Amino acid sequence: MAQSFDYESATATDDAETSSLERLAEIAARTAEETGKFANVDAILRIPVTMQVVLGSATIPVANLMKLGRGAVVPLDHRVGEPVDVVVNGRVVARGEVVVVEEDNSRFGVSLTEIVGPLGQSDS
């Protein structure tokens, strides 16, 4: 017997502190429980993925690349304050802004501001 699942109610923000990734995990768990398709959702949720935060990019000739040395500055195409892309396994999944995560300004993180949907749609 086919069971239906209300994705809209599962993605509604019941708690402002619940992150989008936590909501995604919750949806996966509910779907698995209701459909019985996954015997062990925990095994799937433990699969490692490569996550990158793209601060920007630059195109330079090889001759200029060969001249780069310690202390060289390469200007990127992003400006300060512009959103950065969060890429998981080669796909943009979110956008965010760079934040300082420690008081001594030595560590940075990304505060997610936008989740990108499956077809490039955003879920702000």
Protein backbone atom coordinates (compact mmCIF):
# COMPACT_ATOMS: atom_id res chain seq x y z
CA MET A 1 0.00 0.00 0.00
CA ALA A 2 1.41 3.41 -0.96
CA GLN A 3 1.72 5.93 1.83
CA SER A 4 1.79 9.66 1.37
CA PHE A 5 4.06 12.04 3.22
CA ASP A 6 3.35 15.72 3.77
CA TYR A 7 6.71 17.35 2.94
CA GLU A 8 5.35 20.87 3.43
CA SER A 9 4.40 20.25 7.05
CA ALA A 10 7.73 18.55 7.67
CA THR A 11 9.67 21.52 6.31
CA ALA A 12 7.68 24.16 8.17
CA THR A 13 9.83 25.92 10.69
CA ASP A 14 8.41 24.88 14.04
CA ASP A 15 11.49 26.10 15.87
CA ALA A 16 13.58 29.02 14.61
CA GLU A 17 16.71 27.34 16.00
CA THR A 18 16.31 24.15 13.94
CA SER A 19 18.83 24.22 11.10
CA SER A 20 17.93 23.25 7.56
CA LEU A 21 20.23 20.24 7.75
CA GLU A 22 18.48 19.07 10.91
CA ARG A 23 15.13 19.49 9.13
CA LEU A 24 16.45 17.43 6.21
CA ALA A 25 17.56 14.66 8.57
CA GLU A 26 14.16 14.74 10.27
CA ILE A 27 12.37 14.45 6.91
CA ALA A 28 14.59 11.51 5.94
CA ALA A 29 13.86 9.78 9.24
CA ARG A 30 10.10 10.35 8.96
CA THR A 31 10.06 9.18 5.36
CA ALA A 32 11.98 6.03 6.27
CA GLU A 33 9.64 5.28 9.17
CA GLU A 34 6.50 5.83 7.12
CA THR A 35 7.56 4.05 3.95
CA GLY A 36 9.83 1.38 5.39
CA LYS A 37 12.19 1.76 2.40
CA PHE A 38 15.31 2.27 4.54
CA ALA A 39 16.08 -0.32 7.16
CA ASN A 40 18.68 1.85 8.86
CA VAL A 41 18.53 5.61 8.26
CA ASP A 42 21.39 6.13 10.71
CA ALA A 43 23.74 4.34 8.32
CA ILE A 44 22.79 6.76 5.54
CA LEU A 45 23.10 9.82 7.77
CA ARG A 46 26.67 8.76 8.71
CA ILE A 47 27.92 8.76 5.10
CA PRO A 48 30.73 11.33 4.84
CA VAL A 49 30.48 14.05 2.21
CA THR A 50 32.98 16.68 1.11
CA MET A 51 31.86 20.20 1.97
CA GLN A 52 33.54 23.33 0.64
CA VAL A 53 32.88 27.02 1.09
CA VAL A 54 33.76 28.92 -2.06
CA LEU A 55 35.13 32.33 -1.19
CA GLY A 56 35.68 33.27 -4.81
CA SER A 57 37.73 32.49 -7.88
CA ALA A 58 40.26 34.18 -10.13
CA THR A 59 41.53 33.66 -13.66
CA ILE A 60 45.17 34.53 -14.23
CA PRO A 61 47.69 33.66 -16.95
CA VAL A 62 50.19 30.89 -16.20
CA ALA A 63 53.04 33.42 -16.37
CA ASN A 64 51.50 35.39 -13.47
CA LEU A 65 50.81 32.17 -11.57
CA MET A 66 54.50 31.26 -11.81
CA LYS A 67 55.43 34.64 -10.30
CA LEU A 68 53.32 34.10 -7.16
CA GLY A 69 55.27 33.68 -3.96
CA ARG A 70 54.80 33.78 -0.23
CA GLY A 71 52.67 36.78 0.77
CA ALA A 72 51.24 37.31 -2.73
CA VAL A 73 47.62 38.45 -2.83
CA VAL A 74 45.31 37.08 -5.50
CA PRO A 75 42.13 39.17 -5.88
CA LEU A 76 38.97 37.06 -6.06
CA ASP A 77 35.72 37.79 -7.87
CA HIS A 78 33.72 38.04 -4.60
CA ARG A 79 33.58 41.25 -2.61
CA VAL A 80 33.51 41.58 1.17
CA GLY A 81 29.95 41.01 2.42
CA GLU A 82 28.78 39.06 -0.63
CA PRO A 83 27.32 35.62 0.02
CA VAL A 84 29.60 32.60 -0.34
CA ASP A 85 28.54 29.29 -1.89
CA VAL A 86 28.43 26.14 0.24
CA VAL A 87 29.23 23.17 -2.01
CA VAL A 88 28.68 19.53 -1.04
CA ASN A 89 30.11 16.87 -3.34
CA GLY A 90 30.39 19.39 -6.18
CA ARG A 91 26.86 20.82 -5.86
CA VAL A 92 25.88 24.21 -4.47
CA VAL A 93 23.49 23.39 -1.61
CA ALA A 94 23.43 26.69 0.26
CA ARG A 95 24.70 30.23 0.47
CA GLY A 96 25.89 32.04 3.53
CA GLU A 97 28.10 34.69 5.00
CA VAL A 98 31.50 34.30 6.63
CA VAL A 99 31.47 34.80 10.41
CA VAL A 100 34.10 34.72 13.16
CA VAL A 101 33.53 31.73 15.46
CA GLU A 102 36.11 32.54 18.12
CA GLU A 103 36.87 35.73 19.98
CA ASP A 104 40.52 35.82 18.91
CA ASN A 105 39.59 36.16 15.20
CA SER A 106 41.59 33.05 14.32
CA ARG A 107 38.69 30.80 13.22
CA PHE A 108 35.91 31.43 10.78
CA GLY A 109 32.68 29.71 9.88
CA VAL A 110 29.70 30.21 7.60
CA SER A 111 26.26 31.31 8.72
CA LEU A 112 23.76 29.81 6.26
CA THR A 113 21.39 32.39 4.84
CA GLU A 114 19.83 30.45 1.96
CA ILE A 115 19.28 26.77 1.18
CA VAL A 116 19.33 25.93 -2.53
CA GLY A 117 16.61 23.53 -3.66
CA PRO A 118 17.03 20.55 -5.98
CA LEU A 119 16.60 22.55 -9.19
CA GLY A 120 18.44 25.69 -8.11
CA GLN A 121 15.39 27.03 -6.29
CA SER A 122 16.15 28.78 -3.04
CA ASP A 123 14.47 28.24 0.32
CA SER A 124 15.36 31.41 2.24
